[in-house]
Amino acid sequence: MLWYIRETQLAHNSCRRLVTDGVTQLANFARELRTSGSGIIVEEDLAAIFERGRISPVIESEFKKNVNI
């Protein structure tokens, strides 16, 4: 019985560490995005666009207008 309790505690601690590490990594990612002036939605949209390997002319012109190129 003591073995079972010990194993359960170890599993619980491992799960807690995984969740804590995951939340920490997610928070750090969000902080980096915020300081870069980007956001998670923007990053997701850009990932979808660049995965296809081409940029829509509308998005290109909007981008150039927004960054004053």
C-alpha atoms as a PDB file:
ATOM      1  CA  MET A   1       0.000   0.000   0.000  1.00  0.00           C
ATOM      2  CA  LEU A   2       2.820   2.416   0.831  1.00  0.00           C
ATOM      3  CA  TRP A   3       4.357   1.662  -2.576  1.00  0.00           C
ATOM      4  CA  TYR A   4       1.109   2.687  -4.287  1.00  0.00           C
ATOM      5  CA  ILE A   5       0.907   5.944  -2.321  1.00  0.00           C
ATOM      6  CA  ARG A   6       4.543   6.761  -3.130  1.00  0.00           C
ATOM      7  CA  GLU A   7       4.066   6.012  -6.839  1.00  0.00           C
ATOM      8  CA  THR A   8       0.893   8.121  -6.919  1.00  0.00           C
ATOM      9  CA  GLN A   9       2.739  11.015  -5.288  1.00  0.00           C
ATOM     10  CA  LEU A  10       5.585  10.736  -7.804  1.00  0.00           C
ATOM     11  CA  ALA A  11       3.149  10.679 -10.708  1.00  0.00           C
ATOM     12  CA  HIS A  12       1.279  13.664  -9.279  1.00  0.00           C
ATOM     13  CA  ASN A  13       4.529  15.616  -8.854  1.00  0.00           C
ATOM     14  CA  SER A  14       5.586  14.768 -12.411  1.00  0.00           C
ATOM     15  CA  CYS A  15       2.240  15.903 -13.808  1.00  0.00           C
ATOM     16  CA  ARG A  16       2.357  19.104 -11.763  1.00  0.00           C
ATOM     17  CA  ARG A  17       5.884  19.835 -13.047  1.00  0.00           C
ATOM     18  CA  LEU A  18       4.809  19.235 -16.659  1.00  0.00           C
ATOM     19  CA  VAL A  19       1.811  21.538 -16.321  1.00  0.00           C
ATOM     20  CA  THR A  20       3.838  24.217 -14.538  1.00  0.00           C
ATOM     21  CA  ASP A  21       6.588  24.072 -17.158  1.00  0.00           C
ATOM     22  CA  GLY A  22       4.039  24.235 -19.966  1.00  0.00           C
ATOM     23  CA  VAL A  23       2.264  27.224 -18.455  1.00  0.00           C
ATOM     24  CA  THR A  24       5.604  28.957 -17.878  1.00  0.00           C
ATOM     25  CA  GLN A  25       6.652  28.391 -21.491  1.00  0.00           C
ATOM     26  CA  LEU A  26       3.308  29.660 -22.752  1.00  0.00           C
ATOM     27  CA  ALA A  27       3.525  32.772 -20.562  1.00  0.00           C
ATOM     28  CA  ASN A  28       7.072  33.447 -21.755  1.00  0.00           C
ATOM     29  CA  PHE A  29       5.942  33.074 -25.367  1.00  0.00           C
ATOM     30  CA  ALA A  30       3.086  35.522 -24.754  1.00  0.00           C
ATOM     31  CA  ARG A  31       5.510  38.008 -23.161  1.00  0.00           C
ATOM     32  CA  GLU A  32       7.874  37.748 -26.125  1.00  0.00           C
ATOM     33  CA  LEU A  33       5.002  38.317 -28.543  1.00  0.00           C
ATOM     34  CA  ARG A  34       3.785  41.319 -26.592  1.00  0.00           C
ATOM     35  CA  THR A  35       7.220  42.930 -26.516  1.00  0.00           C
ATOM     36  CA  SER A  36       7.644  42.279 -30.245  1.00  0.00           C
ATOM     37  CA  GLY A  37       4.423  44.170 -30.946  1.00  0.00           C
ATOM     38  CA  SER A  38       2.759  41.040 -32.294  1.00  0.00           C
ATOM     39  CA  GLY A  39       0.005  38.819 -30.997  1.00  0.00           C
ATOM     40  CA  ILE A  40      -0.938  35.164 -31.035  1.00  0.00           C
ATOM     41  CA  ILE A  41      -3.629  35.674 -33.683  1.00  0.00           C
ATOM     42  CA  VAL A  42      -1.234  37.604 -35.916  1.00  0.00           C
ATOM     43  CA  GLU A  43       1.405  34.918 -35.508  1.00  0.00           C
ATOM     44  CA  GLU A  44      -1.099  32.185 -36.338  1.00  0.00           C
ATOM     45  CA  ASP A  45      -2.280  34.078 -39.418  1.00  0.00           C
ATOM     46  CA  LEU A  46       1.306  34.623 -40.574  1.00  0.00           C
ATOM     47  CA  ALA A  47       2.122  30.962 -40.033  1.00  0.00           C
ATOM     48  CA  ALA A  48      -0.843  29.975 -42.193  1.00  0.00           C
ATOM     49  CA  ILE A  49       0.146  32.470 -44.907  1.00  0.00           C
ATOM     50  CA  PHE A  50       3.823  31.529 -45.045  1.00  0.00           C
ATOM     51  CA  GLU A  51       3.083  27.840 -44.893  1.00  0.00           C
ATOM     52  CA  ARG A  52       1.434  28.192 -48.280  1.00  0.00           C
ATOM     53  CA  GLY A  53       4.471  30.109 -49.501  1.00  0.00           C
ATOM     54  CA  ARG A  54       2.677  33.153 -50.895  1.00  0.00           C
ATOM     55  CA  ILE A  55       1.235  36.389 -49.613  1.00  0.00           C
ATOM     56  CA  SER A  56      -2.040  37.814 -50.790  1.00  0.00           C
ATOM     57  CA  PRO A  57      -1.631  41.154 -52.626  1.00  0.00           C
ATOM     58  CA  VAL A  58      -4.184  42.742 -50.277  1.00  0.00           C
ATOM     59  CA  ILE A  59      -2.214  41.710 -47.211  1.00  0.00           C
ATOM     60  CA  GLU A  60       1.027  42.853 -48.817  1.00  0.00           C
ATOM     61  CA  SER A  61      -0.343  46.310 -49.602  1.00  0.00           C
ATOM     62  CA  GLU A  62      -1.884  46.640 -46.125  1.00  0.00           C
ATOM     63  CA  PHE A  63       1.401  45.631 -44.552  1.00  0.00           C
ATOM     64  CA  LYS A  64       3.366  48.130 -46.620  1.00  0.00           C
ATOM     65  CA  LYS A  65       0.859  50.849 -45.782  1.00  0.00           C
ATOM     66  CA  ASN A  66       1.021  50.059 -42.063  1.00  0.00           C
ATOM     67  CA  VAL A  67       4.817  50.011 -41.892  1.00  0.00           C
ATOM     68  CA  ASN A  68       5.224  52.973 -44.254  1.00  0.00           C
ATOM     69  CA  ILE A  69       7.273  51.253 -46.938  1.00  0.00           C
END
